[in-house]
Amino acid sequence: MNKNKERAYYVFIFVVNFSVLLLFSEWMTLREMFLLFFVSILIHALAIYHAKKRQKLRALHRAKNKEKTQKRF
C-alpha cells in the first residue's frame, strides 16, 4: 500500500471510531469513552508498528533475493 492509501485508511478508521463514540455517548460515561479512545489509539499504534516491521522484512527479503540472482549471473 502506498503512503496516501495508508493515511486514508488510518483516517477512515479514526473517523469510524470517533463516530461510534459519538453515537453511543449518551449511554457511556466519560471514563468509558476515554478508555475506548485510548485503546483505539494503542491499536492504531500497534498496526503502524507492525506494518513498518513487515515493510522492513520485505525489503530485507527482496535484497537477499537480489543478491542471489546477481550471484547466479
C-alpha atoms as a PDB file:
ATOM      1  CA  MET A   1       0.000   0.000   0.000  1.00  0.00           C
ATOM      2  CA  ASN A   2       1.376   3.418  -0.785  1.00  0.00           C
ATOM      3  CA  LYS A   3       1.542   6.138   1.851  1.00  0.00           C
ATOM      4  CA  ASN A   4      -1.569   8.016   0.712  1.00  0.00           C
ATOM      5  CA  LYS A   5      -3.723   4.901   0.914  1.00  0.00           C
ATOM      6  CA  GLU A   6      -2.296   4.068   4.358  1.00  0.00           C
ATOM      7  CA  ARG A   7      -3.043   7.569   5.616  1.00  0.00           C
ATOM      8  CA  ALA A   8      -6.538   7.448   4.186  1.00  0.00           C
ATOM      9  CA  TYR A   9      -7.087   4.070   5.845  1.00  0.00           C
ATOM     10  CA  TYR A  10      -5.976   5.333   9.261  1.00  0.00           C
ATOM     11  CA  VAL A  11      -8.083   8.480   8.938  1.00  0.00           C
ATOM     12  CA  PHE A  12     -11.088   6.346   7.964  1.00  0.00           C
ATOM     13  CA  ILE A  13     -10.600   4.067  10.983  1.00  0.00           C
ATOM     14  CA  PHE A  14     -10.204   7.099  13.258  1.00  0.00           C
ATOM     15  CA  VAL A  15     -13.409   8.674  11.918  1.00  0.00           C
ATOM     16  CA  VAL A  16     -15.322   5.416  12.360  1.00  0.00           C
ATOM     17  CA  ASN A  17     -14.105   5.089  15.953  1.00  0.00           C
ATOM     18  CA  PHE A  18     -14.990   8.686  16.709  1.00  0.00           C
ATOM     19  CA  SER A  19     -18.437   8.229  15.132  1.00  0.00           C
ATOM     20  CA  VAL A  20     -19.081   5.181  17.301  1.00  0.00           C
ATOM     21  CA  LEU A  21     -18.057   7.177  20.357  1.00  0.00           C
ATOM     22  CA  LEU A  22     -20.458   9.958  19.438  1.00  0.00           C
ATOM     23  CA  LEU A  23     -23.249   7.532  18.616  1.00  0.00           C
ATOM     24  CA  PHE A  24     -23.073   5.783  21.979  1.00  0.00           C
ATOM     25  CA  SER A  25     -22.079   8.839  24.003  1.00  0.00           C
ATOM     26  CA  GLU A  26     -25.489   9.012  25.660  1.00  0.00           C
ATOM     27  CA  TRP A  27     -25.097   5.551  27.181  1.00  0.00           C
ATOM     28  CA  MET A  28     -21.378   5.726  28.002  1.00  0.00           C
ATOM     29  CA  THR A  29     -19.714   7.508  30.847  1.00  0.00           C
ATOM     30  CA  LEU A  30     -16.855   9.861  30.153  1.00  0.00           C
ATOM     31  CA  ARG A  31     -14.386   7.380  31.655  1.00  0.00           C
ATOM     32  CA  GLU A  32     -15.544   4.613  29.296  1.00  0.00           C
ATOM     33  CA  MET A  33     -15.216   6.962  26.325  1.00  0.00           C
ATOM     34  CA  PHE A  34     -11.642   7.886  27.242  1.00  0.00           C
ATOM     35  CA  LEU A  35     -10.775   4.238  27.811  1.00  0.00           C
ATOM     36  CA  LEU A  36     -12.197   3.212  24.433  1.00  0.00           C
ATOM     37  CA  PHE A  37     -10.442   6.106  22.708  1.00  0.00           C
ATOM     38  CA  PHE A  38      -7.120   5.238  24.373  1.00  0.00           C
ATOM     39  CA  VAL A  39      -7.443   1.576  23.393  1.00  0.00           C
ATOM     40  CA  SER A  40      -8.198   2.523  19.785  1.00  0.00           C
ATOM     41  CA  ILE A  41      -5.090   4.742  19.682  1.00  0.00           C
ATOM     42  CA  LEU A  42      -3.000   1.856  21.037  1.00  0.00           C
ATOM     43  CA  ILE A  43      -4.393  -0.478  18.391  1.00  0.00           C
ATOM     44  CA  HIS A  44      -3.539   2.032  15.654  1.00  0.00           C
ATOM     45  CA  ALA A  45      -0.013   2.449  17.015  1.00  0.00           C
ATOM     46  CA  LEU A  46       0.486  -1.319  17.046  1.00  0.00           C
ATOM     47  CA  ALA A  47      -0.852  -1.580  13.494  1.00  0.00           C
ATOM     48  CA  ILE A  48       1.563   1.096  12.292  1.00  0.00           C
ATOM     49  CA  TYR A  49       4.465  -0.610  14.090  1.00  0.00           C
ATOM     50  CA  HIS A  50       3.527  -3.980  12.605  1.00  0.00           C
ATOM     51  CA  ALA A  51       3.229  -2.522   9.088  1.00  0.00           C
ATOM     52  CA  LYS A  52       6.660  -0.899   9.327  1.00  0.00           C
ATOM     53  CA  LYS A  53       8.164  -4.128  10.644  1.00  0.00           C
ATOM     54  CA  ARG A  54       6.643  -6.084   7.739  1.00  0.00           C
ATOM     55  CA  GLN A  55       7.942  -3.493   5.299  1.00  0.00           C
ATOM     56  CA  LYS A  56      11.491  -3.837   6.690  1.00  0.00           C
ATOM     57  CA  LEU A  57      11.347  -7.624   6.494  1.00  0.00           C
ATOM     58  CA  ARG A  58      10.021  -7.454   2.931  1.00  0.00           C
ATOM     59  CA  ALA A  59      12.850  -5.098   1.928  1.00  0.00           C
ATOM     60  CA  LEU A  60      15.422  -7.381   3.570  1.00  0.00           C
ATOM     61  CA  HIS A  61      13.995 -10.409   1.778  1.00  0.00           C
ATOM     62  CA  ARG A  62      13.997  -8.511  -1.521  1.00  0.00           C
ATOM     63  CA  ALA A  63      17.663  -7.551  -1.010  1.00  0.00           C
ATOM     64  CA  LYS A  64      18.625 -11.163  -0.282  1.00  0.00           C
ATOM     65  CA  ASN A  65      16.835 -12.373  -3.408  1.00  0.00           C
ATOM     66  CA  LYS A  66      18.568  -9.694  -5.461  1.00  0.00           C
ATOM     67  CA  GLU A  67      21.969 -10.859  -4.167  1.00  0.00           C
ATOM     68  CA  LYS A  68      21.145 -14.474  -5.035  1.00  0.00           C
ATOM     69  CA  THR A  69      20.148 -13.602  -8.588  1.00  0.00           C
ATOM     70  CA  GLN A  70      23.279 -11.488  -9.071  1.00  0.00           C
ATOM     71  CA  LYS A  71      25.493 -14.363  -7.886  1.00  0.00           C
ATOM     72  CA  ARG A  72      23.932 -16.699 -10.441  1.00  0.00           C
ATOM     73  CA  PHE A  73      24.909 -14.490 -13.381  1.00  0.00           C
END
